[in-house]
Amino acid sequence: MTLQQLNVWTNEITNDTLTFNAAGTNELNIIELSINLKSGVGKFYGLLPLIPLGVTYASPGYINLTVGQPVTFTSNFNFPLGTIVVDCTGGGVIQVIATQIGHI
């Protein structure tokens, strides 16, 4: 039996895009992700095509962030989150806190 360990990563991104748990791989094993727009403009989306909802909703769409109103995604701590893309290339600064699960 292996022990699980939680690791935390923090950073600020400026005028950039980051992808967490890339589609199909989940190589980062992120189980919790908090994003907070510090200034400017920023947005995010989850990369899960929901084809049964029809053409209008099959492709993921961006959701705009509001300065000072953080968003947190949490799994059930047994499985990583799906793909989440954080984008502030339009001139923003986003604070990011990611929690990763690993094995000792």
Protein backbone atom coordinates (compact mmCIF):
# COMPACT_ATOMS: atom_id res chain seq x y z
CA MET A 1 0.00 0.00 0.00
CA THR A 2 1.34 3.43 -0.91
CA LEU A 3 0.68 6.60 1.00
CA GLN A 4 -0.82 9.56 -0.81
CA GLN A 5 0.73 13.00 -0.52
CA LEU A 6 -0.80 16.39 -1.33
CA ASN A 7 1.41 19.00 -2.96
CA VAL A 8 0.45 22.66 -3.44
CA TRP A 9 1.62 24.91 -6.29
CA THR A 10 1.04 28.68 -6.28
CA ASN A 11 1.82 31.30 -8.87
CA GLU A 12 0.56 34.38 -10.68
CA ILE A 13 0.17 34.34 -14.42
CA THR A 14 0.30 37.54 -16.45
CA ASN A 15 -0.82 37.78 -20.08
CA ASP A 16 -0.56 34.01 -20.51
CA THR A 17 -2.58 30.80 -20.82
CA LEU A 18 -2.16 27.68 -18.68
CA THR A 19 -3.75 24.26 -19.18
CA PHE A 20 -4.20 22.02 -16.15
CA ASN A 21 -4.67 18.24 -16.54
CA ALA A 22 -4.33 18.16 -20.34
CA ALA A 23 -7.12 16.25 -22.10
CA GLY A 24 -6.78 12.50 -21.91
CA THR A 25 -3.66 12.46 -19.74
CA ASN A 26 -4.36 14.16 -16.39
CA GLU A 27 -0.58 14.04 -15.97
CA LEU A 28 -0.59 16.77 -13.34
CA ASN A 29 -3.07 14.94 -11.07
CA ILE A 30 -4.64 18.24 -9.99
CA ILE A 31 -7.48 17.56 -7.57
CA GLU A 32 -8.24 21.16 -6.57
CA LEU A 33 -7.68 24.40 -8.47
CA SER A 34 -8.41 27.97 -7.33
CA ILE A 35 -8.13 30.93 -9.69
CA ASN A 36 -8.50 34.58 -8.74
CA LEU A 37 -8.42 37.49 -11.18
CA LYS A 38 -6.23 40.08 -9.49
CA SER A 39 -6.47 42.74 -12.23
CA GLY A 40 -7.36 43.23 -15.87
CA VAL A 41 -9.33 40.60 -17.76
CA GLY A 42 -9.25 36.82 -17.51
CA LYS A 43 -11.34 33.80 -18.35
CA PHE A 44 -11.41 30.01 -18.04
CA TYR A 45 -13.08 26.95 -19.51
CA GLY A 46 -13.35 23.25 -18.88
CA LEU A 47 -12.54 21.00 -21.82
CA LEU A 48 -15.39 18.50 -21.74
CA PRO A 49 -17.45 18.34 -24.92
CA LEU A 50 -21.06 17.59 -24.02
CA ILE A 51 -22.24 16.28 -27.39
CA PRO A 52 -25.69 15.06 -26.19
CA LEU A 53 -26.58 18.71 -25.43
CA GLY A 54 -26.48 19.56 -29.15
CA VAL A 55 -24.32 21.77 -31.31
CA THR A 56 -24.86 24.92 -29.22
CA TYR A 57 -23.40 23.40 -26.07
CA ALA A 58 -21.14 20.62 -27.38
CA SER A 59 -17.97 22.74 -27.41
CA PRO A 60 -16.80 24.33 -24.16
CA GLY A 61 -17.05 28.10 -23.90
CA TYR A 62 -15.05 30.56 -21.87
CA ILE A 63 -16.43 32.04 -18.65
CA ASN A 64 -15.18 35.51 -17.75
CA LEU A 65 -13.61 36.07 -14.34
CA THR A 66 -14.41 39.07 -12.14
CA VAL A 67 -11.68 40.86 -10.19
CA GLY A 68 -11.65 39.73 -6.56
CA GLN A 69 -14.15 36.86 -7.02
CA PRO A 70 -12.16 33.61 -6.96
CA VAL A 71 -13.36 30.35 -8.48
CA THR A 72 -12.44 26.96 -7.00
CA PHE A 73 -12.76 23.54 -8.66
CA THR A 74 -12.61 20.47 -6.43
CA SER A 75 -12.70 16.77 -7.25
CA ASN A 76 -13.70 14.11 -4.78
CA PHE A 77 -9.98 13.67 -3.94
CA ASN A 78 -9.88 10.19 -5.52
CA PHE A 79 -9.67 11.31 -9.14
CA PRO A 80 -8.01 14.32 -10.83
CA LEU A 81 -10.04 17.17 -12.26
CA GLY A 82 -10.66 17.24 -16.00
CA THR A 83 -8.91 19.73 -18.25
CA ILE A 84 -9.20 23.39 -17.22
CA VAL A 85 -7.75 26.22 -19.30
CA VAL A 86 -6.98 29.56 -17.58
CA ASP A 87 -6.44 32.52 -19.93
CA CYS A 88 -5.43 36.12 -19.19
CA THR A 89 -3.82 36.92 -22.56
CA GLY A 90 -6.17 39.89 -22.91
CA GLY A 91 -4.18 41.81 -20.30
CA GLY A 92 -4.76 40.33 -16.87
CA VAL A 93 -3.12 38.87 -13.79
CA ILE A 94 -4.53 35.67 -12.29
CA GLN A 95 -3.46 34.11 -8.99
CA VAL A 96 -3.46 30.30 -9.15
CA ILE A 97 -3.38 27.69 -6.39
CA ALA A 98 -3.31 24.05 -7.47
CA THR A 99 -3.34 20.98 -5.23
CA GLN A 100 -1.84 17.82 -6.63
CA ILE A 101 -2.13 14.29 -5.32
CA GLY A 102 0.88 12.00 -5.50
CA HIS A 103 2.28 8.87 -3.94
CA ILE A 104 5.13 8.60 -1.47
